[in-house]
Amino acid sequence: MKLIEPTTEYCRQIRAYRKEFLDCGDSMDGTHGLREIEDPVKWIEHCALYKDPLTVPDSRVPATQYIFVREEDDKIVGMLQIRHYFNDYLEKYGGHIGYSVAPSERRKGYASQMLKTALPKCKELGIDKVLITCIDNNEGSRKTILSNGGVYESSVYEPNEKVYLERYWINLSK
């Protein structure tokens, strides 16, 4: 498994990943606007804008987008985004990391592997305590966070999505 930044060689797979989520009506957490951007090349360009603090739009924060690729068949099985620091919304609701696994690839341990691989990248960015949130009834995400050292802090109500989110911290300074 490898966690890499998206490139145009994965355009066909990015399109298929997006379609799988749209077909099943599932949320695309950690995909940095992939739901709204149909063209994979434009999405990759969009992600690049957000990585650079000089080109990230006002009221947004720099973020690095990754795809999680199964090496034996070079298939994208998940996506993950690391936000370099917080704005008000991320500090309360979104956290440092958002991620998703393709519906057809769930329950295979990919989310835990993906998060584990992302934590050293957070450390490289100077993030010593990583905040991750999940919807309160998402047992799979909760288990993923806990298996990577997450410690429950609190639950908050997110009024736009009308959901309760559990907040977990992973301490990387140990």
N, C-alpha and C. Protein backbone atom coordinates (compact mmCIF):
# COMPACT_ATOMS: atom_id res chain seq x y z
N MET A 1 0.85 -1.18 0.00
CA MET A 1 0.00 0.00 0.00
C MET A 1 0.88 1.24 0.00
N LYS A 2 0.44 2.24 -0.74
CA LYS A 2 1.19 3.49 -0.73
C LYS A 2 0.24 4.67 -0.69
N LEU A 3 0.63 5.68 0.07
CA LEU A 3 -0.11 6.92 0.21
C LEU A 3 0.66 7.96 -0.59
N ILE A 4 0.09 8.40 -1.72
CA ILE A 4 0.78 9.32 -2.62
C ILE A 4 -0.14 10.47 -3.01
N GLU A 5 0.46 11.56 -3.43
CA GLU A 5 -0.33 12.66 -3.96
C GLU A 5 -0.86 12.26 -5.33
N PRO A 6 -2.08 12.69 -5.67
CA PRO A 6 -2.66 12.27 -6.96
C PRO A 6 -1.92 12.87 -8.15
N THR A 7 -1.80 12.05 -9.20
CA THR A 7 -1.19 12.48 -10.45
C THR A 7 -2.11 12.09 -11.59
N THR A 8 -1.85 12.64 -12.76
CA THR A 8 -2.72 12.40 -13.91
C THR A 8 -2.71 10.94 -14.36
N GLU A 9 -1.70 10.18 -14.00
CA GLU A 9 -1.71 8.76 -14.38
C GLU A 9 -2.85 8.00 -13.69
N TYR A 10 -3.45 8.59 -12.66
CA TYR A 10 -4.56 7.96 -11.94
C TYR A 10 -5.92 8.55 -12.33
N CYS A 11 -5.98 9.33 -13.40
CA CYS A 11 -7.24 10.00 -13.78
C CYS A 11 -8.40 9.01 -13.94
N ARG A 12 -8.18 7.92 -14.63
CA ARG A 12 -9.25 6.94 -14.84
C ARG A 12 -9.76 6.41 -13.51
N GLN A 13 -8.84 6.12 -12.61
CA GLN A 13 -9.23 5.58 -11.31
C GLN A 13 -9.90 6.64 -10.42
N ILE A 14 -9.44 7.87 -10.50
CA ILE A 14 -10.08 8.95 -9.73
C ILE A 14 -11.52 9.09 -10.18
N ARG A 15 -11.75 9.03 -11.49
CA ARG A 15 -13.11 9.11 -12.03
C ARG A 15 -13.95 7.93 -11.53
N ALA A 16 -13.39 6.73 -11.51
CA ALA A 16 -14.11 5.54 -11.04
C ALA A 16 -14.40 5.63 -9.54
N TYR A 17 -13.45 6.14 -8.77
CA TYR A 17 -13.63 6.30 -7.32
C TYR A 17 -14.80 7.24 -7.06
N ARG A 18 -14.82 8.37 -7.76
CA ARG A 18 -15.90 9.35 -7.62
C ARG A 18 -17.24 8.72 -7.98
N LYS A 19 -17.28 8.01 -9.11
CA LYS A 19 -18.52 7.40 -9.58
C LYS A 19 -19.07 6.38 -8.57
N GLU A 20 -18.18 5.59 -7.98
CA GLU A 20 -18.62 4.60 -6.99
C GLU A 20 -19.34 5.27 -5.82
N PHE A 21 -18.81 6.38 -5.34
CA PHE A 21 -19.45 7.10 -4.24
C PHE A 21 -20.77 7.73 -4.67
N LEU A 22 -20.78 8.34 -5.84
CA LEU A 22 -22.01 8.97 -6.34
C LEU A 22 -23.09 7.91 -6.56
N ASP A 23 -22.72 6.76 -7.11
CA ASP A 23 -23.70 5.69 -7.38
C ASP A 23 -24.35 5.17 -6.11
N CYS A 24 -23.60 5.13 -5.01
CA CYS A 24 -24.18 4.59 -3.77
C CYS A 24 -24.66 5.70 -2.84
N GLY A 25 -24.48 6.97 -3.24
CA GLY A 25 -24.97 8.08 -2.42
C GLY A 25 -24.22 8.29 -1.13
N ASP A 26 -22.97 7.86 -1.07
CA ASP A 26 -22.18 7.95 0.15
C ASP A 26 -21.38 9.25 0.18
N SER A 27 -20.99 9.69 1.38
CA SER A 27 -20.18 10.90 1.50
C SER A 27 -18.75 10.60 1.08
N MET A 28 -18.08 11.61 0.57
CA MET A 28 -16.70 11.47 0.09
C MET A 28 -15.77 12.26 0.99
N ASP A 29 -15.66 11.84 2.23
CA ASP A 29 -14.81 12.55 3.18
C ASP A 29 -13.35 12.45 2.75
N GLY A 30 -12.62 13.54 2.96
CA GLY A 30 -11.19 13.54 2.66
C GLY A 30 -10.85 13.52 1.18
N THR A 31 -11.80 13.93 0.33
CA THR A 31 -11.54 13.90 -1.11
C THR A 31 -11.43 15.30 -1.71
N HIS A 32 -11.43 16.31 -0.90
CA HIS A 32 -11.17 17.68 -1.31
C HIS A 32 -11.99 18.14 -2.51
N GLY A 33 -13.30 18.02 -2.39
CA GLY A 33 -14.17 18.55 -3.43
C GLY A 33 -14.38 17.67 -4.63
N LEU A 34 -13.98 16.41 -4.54
CA LEU A 34 -14.12 15.51 -5.69
C LEU A 34 -15.58 15.34 -6.10
N ARG A 35 -16.50 15.42 -5.17
CA ARG A 35 -17.92 15.30 -5.50
C ARG A 35 -18.34 16.37 -6.52
N GLU A 36 -17.82 17.57 -6.37
CA GLU A 36 -18.22 18.69 -7.23
C GLU A 36 -17.39 18.80 -8.50
N ILE A 37 -16.22 18.22 -8.55
CA ILE A 37 -15.31 18.38 -9.69
C ILE A 37 -15.26 17.07 -10.48
N GLU A 38 -15.92 17.06 -11.61
CA GLU A 38 -16.04 15.84 -12.42
C GLU A 38 -14.75 15.47 -13.14
N ASP A 39 -14.02 16.46 -13.62
CA ASP A 39 -12.80 16.22 -14.39
C ASP A 39 -11.62 15.95 -13.44
N PRO A 40 -11.02 14.76 -13.50
CA PRO A 40 -9.91 14.44 -12.59
C PRO A 40 -8.72 15.38 -12.72
N VAL A 41 -8.43 15.85 -13.93
CA VAL A 41 -7.30 16.77 -14.11
C VAL A 41 -7.57 18.07 -13.37
N LYS A 42 -8.78 18.59 -13.49
CA LYS A 42 -9.15 19.82 -12.78
C LYS A 42 -9.10 19.60 -11.27
N TRP A 43 -9.51 18.40 -10.82
CA TRP A 43 -9.47 18.10 -9.39
C TRP A 43 -8.02 18.08 -8.89
N ILE A 44 -7.13 17.47 -9.65
CA ILE A 44 -5.71 17.43 -9.27
C ILE A 44 -5.15 18.85 -9.20
N GLU A 45 -5.50 19.69 -10.16
CA GLU A 45 -5.07 21.09 -10.15
C GLU A 45 -5.64 21.82 -8.94
N HIS A 46 -6.90 21.55 -8.61
CA HIS A 46 -7.56 22.13 -7.44
C HIS A 46 -6.81 21.75 -6.16
N CYS A 47 -6.45 20.49 -6.05
CA CYS A 47 -5.71 20.01 -4.87
C CYS A 47 -4.36 20.71 -4.76
N ALA A 48 -3.69 20.91 -5.89
CA ALA A 48 -2.38 21.57 -5.89
C ALA A 48 -2.49 23.02 -5.40
N LEU A 49 -3.56 23.71 -5.77
CA LEU A 49 -3.77 25.09 -5.30
C LEU A 49 -3.85 25.15 -3.78
N TYR A 50 -4.51 24.16 -3.19
CA TYR A 50 -4.71 24.15 -1.74
C TYR A 50 -3.46 23.75 -0.97
N LYS A 51 -2.54 23.10 -1.62
CA LYS A 51 -1.33 22.68 -0.91
C LYS A 51 -0.41 23.87 -0.63
N ASP A 52 -0.40 24.83 -1.51
CA ASP A 52 0.49 25.98 -1.41
C ASP A 52 -0.18 27.10 -0.61
N PRO A 53 0.42 27.52 0.50
CA PRO A 53 -0.17 28.60 1.30
C PRO A 53 -0.39 29.90 0.51
N LEU A 54 0.37 30.10 -0.57
CA LEU A 54 0.24 31.32 -1.36
C LEU A 54 -0.96 31.28 -2.31
N THR A 55 -1.46 30.08 -2.62
CA THR A 55 -2.57 29.98 -3.58
C THR A 55 -3.86 29.45 -2.97
N VAL A 56 -3.83 29.09 -1.71
CA VAL A 56 -5.06 28.60 -1.07
C VAL A 56 -6.04 29.78 -0.95
N PRO A 57 -7.30 29.56 -1.28
CA PRO A 57 -8.29 30.66 -1.18
C PRO A 57 -8.44 31.19 0.25
N ASP A 58 -8.81 32.46 0.34
CA ASP A 58 -9.08 33.07 1.64
C ASP A 58 -10.12 32.25 2.39
N SER A 59 -10.01 32.22 3.68
CA SER A 59 -10.88 31.50 4.61
C SER A 59 -10.66 29.98 4.58
N ARG A 60 -9.75 29.52 3.76
CA ARG A 60 -9.39 28.10 3.70
C ARG A 60 -7.98 27.94 4.26
N VAL A 61 -7.59 26.69 4.50
CA VAL A 61 -6.25 26.43 5.01
C VAL A 61 -5.51 25.52 4.04
N PRO A 62 -4.18 25.58 4.05
CA PRO A 62 -3.42 24.67 3.21
C PRO A 62 -3.72 23.22 3.59
N ALA A 63 -3.78 22.37 2.58
CA ALA A 63 -4.07 20.95 2.80
C ALA A 63 -3.36 20.14 1.73
N THR A 64 -2.96 18.93 2.10
CA THR A 64 -2.35 18.02 1.15
C THR A 64 -3.29 16.85 0.92
N GLN A 65 -3.56 16.58 -0.34
CA GLN A 65 -4.46 15.49 -0.74
C GLN A 65 -3.64 14.26 -1.10
N TYR A 66 -4.12 13.10 -0.66
CA TYR A 66 -3.46 11.83 -0.97
C TYR A 66 -4.47 10.83 -1.52
N ILE A 67 -3.94 9.92 -2.32
CA ILE A 67 -4.70 8.73 -2.70
C ILE A 67 -3.97 7.55 -2.08
N PHE A 68 -4.73 6.52 -1.69
CA PHE A 68 -4.17 5.33 -1.08
C PHE A 68 -4.28 4.21 -2.11
N VAL A 69 -3.14 3.72 -2.57
CA VAL A 69 -3.09 2.81 -3.71
C VAL A 69 -2.62 1.43 -3.27
N ARG A 70 -3.38 0.42 -3.68
CA ARG A 70 -2.98 -0.97 -3.45
C ARG A 70 -1.95 -1.30 -4.53
N GLU A 71 -0.75 -1.65 -4.11
CA GLU A 71 0.35 -1.80 -5.05
C GLU A 71 0.22 -2.99 -5.99
N GLU A 72 -0.36 -4.09 -5.55
CA GLU A 72 -0.40 -5.27 -6.42
C GLU A 72 -1.22 -5.07 -7.70
N ASP A 73 -2.24 -4.19 -7.65
CA ASP A 73 -3.00 -3.92 -8.87
C ASP A 73 -3.09 -2.43 -9.17
N ASP A 74 -2.35 -1.61 -8.40
CA ASP A 74 -2.28 -0.16 -8.60
C ASP A 74 -3.66 0.49 -8.54
N LYS A 75 -4.54 -0.02 -7.68
CA LYS A 75 -5.89 0.50 -7.57
C LYS A 75 -6.01 1.47 -6.40
N ILE A 76 -6.72 2.60 -6.64
CA ILE A 76 -7.03 3.52 -5.55
C ILE A 76 -8.12 2.88 -4.69
N VAL A 77 -7.81 2.66 -3.41
CA VAL A 77 -8.80 2.09 -2.49
C VAL A 77 -9.29 3.12 -1.48
N GLY A 78 -8.59 4.25 -1.36
CA GLY A 78 -8.99 5.28 -0.41
C GLY A 78 -8.38 6.62 -0.75
N MET A 79 -8.88 7.64 -0.08
CA MET A 79 -8.34 8.99 -0.20
C MET A 79 -8.29 9.61 1.18
N LEU A 80 -7.32 10.50 1.36
CA LEU A 80 -7.10 11.13 2.65
C LEU A 80 -6.57 12.54 2.42
N GLN A 81 -7.03 13.47 3.24
CA GLN A 81 -6.56 14.84 3.18
C GLN A 81 -6.03 15.25 4.54
N ILE A 82 -4.86 15.89 4.55
CA ILE A 82 -4.30 16.44 5.78
C ILE A 82 -4.37 17.96 5.69
N ARG A 83 -5.08 18.57 6.65
CA ARG A 83 -5.14 20.03 6.75
C ARG A 83 -3.97 20.47 7.62
N HIS A 84 -3.18 21.39 7.13
CA HIS A 84 -1.93 21.76 7.79
C HIS A 84 -2.12 22.48 9.11
N TYR A 85 -3.20 23.19 9.23
CA TYR A 85 -3.58 23.83 10.50
C TYR A 85 -5.07 24.13 10.44
N PHE A 86 -5.61 24.73 11.49
CA PHE A 86 -7.05 24.93 11.60
C PHE A 86 -7.51 26.32 11.18
N ASN A 87 -8.74 26.39 10.70
CA ASN A 87 -9.55 27.61 10.75
C ASN A 87 -10.60 27.31 11.82
N ASP A 88 -11.53 28.22 12.06
CA ASP A 88 -12.51 28.01 13.13
C ASP A 88 -13.33 26.74 12.93
N TYR A 89 -13.78 26.50 11.69
CA TYR A 89 -14.61 25.33 11.42
C TYR A 89 -13.84 24.03 11.66
N LEU A 90 -12.64 23.94 11.13
CA LEU A 90 -11.84 22.72 11.29
C LEU A 90 -11.50 22.45 12.74
N GLU A 91 -11.23 23.51 13.49
CA GLU A 91 -10.88 23.34 14.90
C GLU A 91 -12.03 22.74 15.70
N LYS A 92 -13.24 23.06 15.31
CA LYS A 92 -14.40 22.55 16.05
C LYS A 92 -14.95 21.26 15.46
N TYR A 93 -15.02 21.19 14.12
CA TYR A 93 -15.74 20.08 13.48
C TYR A 93 -14.90 19.16 12.57
N GLY A 94 -13.98 19.72 11.82
CA GLY A 94 -13.34 18.94 10.75
C GLY A 94 -12.06 18.23 11.11
N GLY A 95 -11.26 18.84 11.96
CA GLY A 95 -10.00 18.23 12.35
C GLY A 95 -8.90 18.36 11.30
N HIS A 96 -7.79 17.68 11.57
CA HIS A 96 -6.63 17.71 10.68
C HIS A 96 -6.77 16.76 9.50
N ILE A 97 -7.49 15.66 9.69
CA ILE A 97 -7.52 14.61 8.66
C ILE A 97 -8.95 14.22 8.34
N GLY A 98 -9.21 14.10 7.04
CA GLY A 98 -10.45 13.50 6.56
C GLY A 98 -10.07 12.36 5.64
N TYR A 99 -10.84 11.30 5.65
CA TYR A 99 -10.50 10.15 4.80
C TYR A 99 -11.75 9.37 4.43
N SER A 100 -11.61 8.59 3.38
CA SER A 100 -12.68 7.68 2.97
C SER A 100 -12.05 6.48 2.27
N VAL A 101 -12.79 5.39 2.29
CA VAL A 101 -12.39 4.17 1.58
C VAL A 101 -13.51 3.85 0.60
N ALA A 102 -13.14 3.43 -0.60
CA ALA A 102 -14.14 3.09 -1.61
C ALA A 102 -15.12 2.08 -1.03
N PRO A 103 -16.42 2.27 -1.27
CA PRO A 103 -17.41 1.34 -0.72
C PRO A 103 -17.11 -0.13 -1.02
N SER A 104 -16.57 -0.43 -2.19
CA SER A 104 -16.27 -1.82 -2.55
C SER A 104 -15.02 -2.37 -1.84
N GLU A 105 -14.28 -1.50 -1.16
CA GLU A 105 -13.03 -1.91 -0.52
C GLU A 105 -13.07 -1.82 1.00
N ARG A 106 -14.23 -1.60 1.56
CA ARG A 106 -14.35 -1.43 3.01
C ARG A 106 -14.25 -2.76 3.74
N ARG A 107 -13.97 -2.65 5.02
CA ARG A 107 -13.86 -3.80 5.93
C ARG A 107 -12.68 -4.71 5.59
N LYS A 108 -11.63 -4.08 5.05
CA LYS A 108 -10.40 -4.82 4.72
C LYS A 108 -9.20 -4.24 5.46
N GLY A 109 -9.45 -3.28 6.36
CA GLY A 109 -8.37 -2.68 7.14
C GLY A 109 -7.66 -1.53 6.46
N TYR A 110 -8.15 -1.10 5.30
CA TYR A 110 -7.46 -0.04 4.57
C TYR A 110 -7.49 1.30 5.30
N ALA A 111 -8.59 1.64 5.93
CA ALA A 111 -8.67 2.94 6.62
C ALA A 111 -7.62 3.01 7.73
N SER A 112 -7.47 1.96 8.51
CA SER A 112 -6.47 1.96 9.58
C SER A 112 -5.05 2.07 9.02
N GLN A 113 -4.78 1.35 7.93
CA GLN A 113 -3.46 1.43 7.30
C GLN A 113 -3.20 2.84 6.75
N MET A 114 -4.21 3.41 6.12
CA MET A 114 -4.09 4.72 5.52
C MET A 114 -3.80 5.78 6.60
N LEU A 115 -4.57 5.73 7.69
CA LEU A 115 -4.36 6.69 8.77
C LEU A 115 -2.98 6.51 9.39
N LYS A 116 -2.58 5.28 9.62
CA LYS A 116 -1.26 5.00 10.20
C LYS A 116 -0.15 5.58 9.32
N THR A 117 -0.31 5.45 8.01
CA THR A 117 0.68 5.96 7.07
C THR A 117 0.68 7.49 7.03
N ALA A 118 -0.46 8.10 7.29
CA ALA A 118 -0.58 9.56 7.24
C ALA A 118 0.00 10.25 8.47
N LEU A 119 0.01 9.58 9.61
CA LEU A 119 0.45 10.24 10.85
C LEU A 119 1.89 10.76 10.79
N PRO A 120 2.85 10.01 10.22
CA PRO A 120 4.20 10.58 10.09
C PRO A 120 4.23 11.83 9.19
N LYS A 121 3.34 11.89 8.22
CA LYS A 121 3.26 13.07 7.35
C LYS A 121 2.77 14.28 8.16
N CYS A 122 1.87 14.04 9.10
CA CYS A 122 1.42 15.11 10.00
C CYS A 122 2.59 15.61 10.83
N LYS A 123 3.36 14.68 11.35
CA LYS A 123 4.53 15.03 12.17
C LYS A 123 5.50 15.89 11.35
N GLU A 124 5.71 15.53 10.08
CA GLU A 124 6.59 16.31 9.20
C GLU A 124 6.09 17.75 9.03
N LEU A 125 4.78 17.93 9.09
CA LEU A 125 4.18 19.26 8.97
C LEU A 125 4.22 20.04 10.29
N GLY A 126 4.74 19.41 11.36
CA GLY A 126 4.82 20.06 12.65
C GLY A 126 3.57 19.90 13.50
N ILE A 127 2.71 18.96 13.13
CA ILE A 127 1.49 18.71 13.90
C ILE A 127 1.82 17.64 14.94
N ASP A 128 1.80 18.02 16.21
CA ASP A 128 2.12 17.08 17.29
C ASP A 128 0.89 16.40 17.87
N LYS A 129 -0.25 17.06 17.75
CA LYS A 129 -1.52 16.48 18.20
C LYS A 129 -2.50 16.58 17.04
N VAL A 130 -2.96 15.42 16.58
CA VAL A 130 -3.84 15.36 15.41
C VAL A 130 -5.28 15.21 15.87
N LEU A 131 -6.14 16.10 15.40
CA LEU A 131 -7.57 16.01 15.69
C LEU A 131 -8.27 15.31 14.52
N ILE A 132 -9.05 14.29 14.84
CA ILE A 132 -9.86 13.59 13.84
C ILE A 132 -11.27 13.49 14.39
N THR A 133 -12.25 13.76 13.55
CA THR A 133 -13.64 13.65 13.97
C THR A 133 -14.34 12.59 13.13
N CYS A 134 -15.41 12.04 13.70
CA CYS A 134 -16.25 11.11 12.94
C CYS A 134 -17.69 11.24 13.42
N ILE A 135 -18.61 10.96 12.53
CA ILE A 135 -20.02 10.97 12.90
C ILE A 135 -20.23 9.94 14.00
N ASP A 136 -21.05 10.27 14.96
CA ASP A 136 -21.18 9.46 16.18
C ASP A 136 -21.65 8.02 15.93
N ASN A 137 -22.28 7.73 14.82
CA ASN A 137 -22.72 6.35 14.58
C ASN A 137 -21.83 5.61 13.57
N ASN A 138 -20.65 6.18 13.26
CA ASN A 138 -19.74 5.55 12.31
C ASN A 138 -18.75 4.66 13.07
N GLU A 139 -19.19 3.45 13.34
CA GLU A 139 -18.39 2.51 14.13
C GLU A 139 -17.05 2.20 13.46
N GLY A 140 -17.04 2.07 12.14
CA GLY A 140 -15.81 1.75 11.42
C GLY A 140 -14.76 2.84 11.59
N SER A 141 -15.19 4.09 11.44
CA SER A 141 -14.25 5.20 11.59
C SER A 141 -13.77 5.31 13.03
N ARG A 142 -14.67 5.13 13.97
CA ARG A 142 -14.28 5.17 15.39
C ARG A 142 -13.20 4.11 15.66
N LYS A 143 -13.39 2.89 15.18
CA LYS A 143 -12.40 1.83 15.39
C LYS A 143 -11.07 2.17 14.72
N THR A 144 -11.14 2.77 13.54
CA THR A 144 -9.92 3.19 12.83
C THR A 144 -9.14 4.20 13.67
N ILE A 145 -9.82 5.18 14.19
CA ILE A 145 -9.17 6.23 14.98
C ILE A 145 -8.59 5.63 16.27
N LEU A 146 -9.38 4.82 16.95
CA LEU A 146 -8.90 4.21 18.20
C LEU A 146 -7.70 3.30 17.97
N SER A 147 -7.71 2.56 16.86
CA SER A 147 -6.60 1.63 16.58
C SER A 147 -5.30 2.37 16.28
N ASN A 148 -5.40 3.65 16.00
CA ASN A 148 -4.21 4.46 15.74
C ASN A 148 -3.88 5.40 16.89
N GLY A 149 -4.42 5.10 18.06
CA GLY A 149 -4.06 5.85 19.26
C GLY A 149 -4.97 7.01 19.59
N GLY A 150 -6.11 7.11 18.92
CA GLY A 150 -7.04 8.20 19.19
C GLY A 150 -7.61 8.13 20.59
N VAL A 151 -7.72 9.29 21.22
CA VAL A 151 -8.31 9.41 22.56
C VAL A 151 -9.52 10.33 22.44
N TYR A 152 -10.67 9.82 22.86
CA TYR A 152 -11.92 10.58 22.78
C TYR A 152 -11.83 11.81 23.66
N GLU A 153 -12.26 12.96 23.11
CA GLU A 153 -12.30 14.20 23.88
C GLU A 153 -13.74 14.61 24.19
N SER A 154 -14.58 14.72 23.14
CA SER A 154 -15.93 15.20 23.33
C SER A 154 -16.75 14.96 22.07
N SER A 155 -18.03 15.25 22.16
CA SER A 155 -18.91 15.22 20.98
C SER A 155 -19.48 16.62 20.79
N VAL A 156 -19.65 17.00 19.53
CA VAL A 156 -20.20 18.31 19.20
C VAL A 156 -21.26 18.14 18.12
N TYR A 157 -22.20 19.06 18.10
CA TYR A 157 -23.25 19.05 17.08
C TYR A 157 -22.84 19.97 15.94
N GLU A 158 -22.79 19.44 14.72
CA GLU A 158 -22.45 20.22 13.54
C GLU A 158 -23.75 20.64 12.87
N PRO A 159 -24.12 21.93 12.96
CA PRO A 159 -25.45 22.37 12.54
C PRO A 159 -25.71 22.33 11.03
N ASN A 160 -24.68 22.49 10.19
CA ASN A 160 -24.89 22.46 8.73
C ASN A 160 -25.30 21.07 8.25
N GLU A 161 -24.62 20.05 8.75
CA GLU A 161 -24.91 18.67 8.36
C GLU A 161 -25.94 18.01 9.28
N LYS A 162 -26.22 18.69 10.41
CA LYS A 162 -27.17 18.18 11.40
C LYS A 162 -26.76 16.79 11.92
N VAL A 163 -25.48 16.69 12.33
CA VAL A 163 -24.95 15.44 12.86
C VAL A 163 -24.14 15.72 14.13
N TYR A 164 -24.04 14.72 14.97
CA TYR A 164 -23.13 14.77 16.11
C TYR A 164 -21.80 14.16 15.68
N LEU A 165 -20.73 14.85 16.02
CA LEU A 165 -19.39 14.40 15.69
C LEU A 165 -18.62 14.09 16.96
N GLU A 166 -17.91 12.98 16.95
CA GLU A 166 -17.01 12.64 18.05
C GLU A 166 -15.63 13.19 17.70
N ARG A 167 -14.98 13.79 18.68
CA ARG A 167 -13.65 14.39 18.50
C ARG A 167 -12.61 13.50 19.20
N TYR A 168 -11.56 13.14 18.45
CA TYR A 168 -10.48 12.30 18.97
C TYR A 168 -9.15 12.98 18.69
N TRP A 169 -8.23 12.84 19.64
CA TRP A 169 -6.88 13.35 19.48
C TRP A 169 -5.87 12.20 19.44
N ILE A 170 -4.91 12.31 18.54
CA ILE A 170 -3.80 11.36 18.49
C ILE A 170 -2.54 12.17 18.78
N ASN A 171 -1.85 11.82 19.86
CA ASN A 171 -0.65 12.53 20.28
C ASN A 171 0.56 11.93 19.56
N LEU A 172 1.24 12.74 18.76
CA LEU A 172 2.41 12.28 18.01
C LEU A 172 3.72 12.64 18.69
N SER A 173 3.66 13.33 19.80
CA SER A 173 4.89 13.78 20.47
C SER A 173 5.43 12.75 21.44
N LYS A 174 4.83 11.58 21.49
CA LYS A 174 5.30 10.53 22.43
C LYS A 174 6.61 9.94 21.95
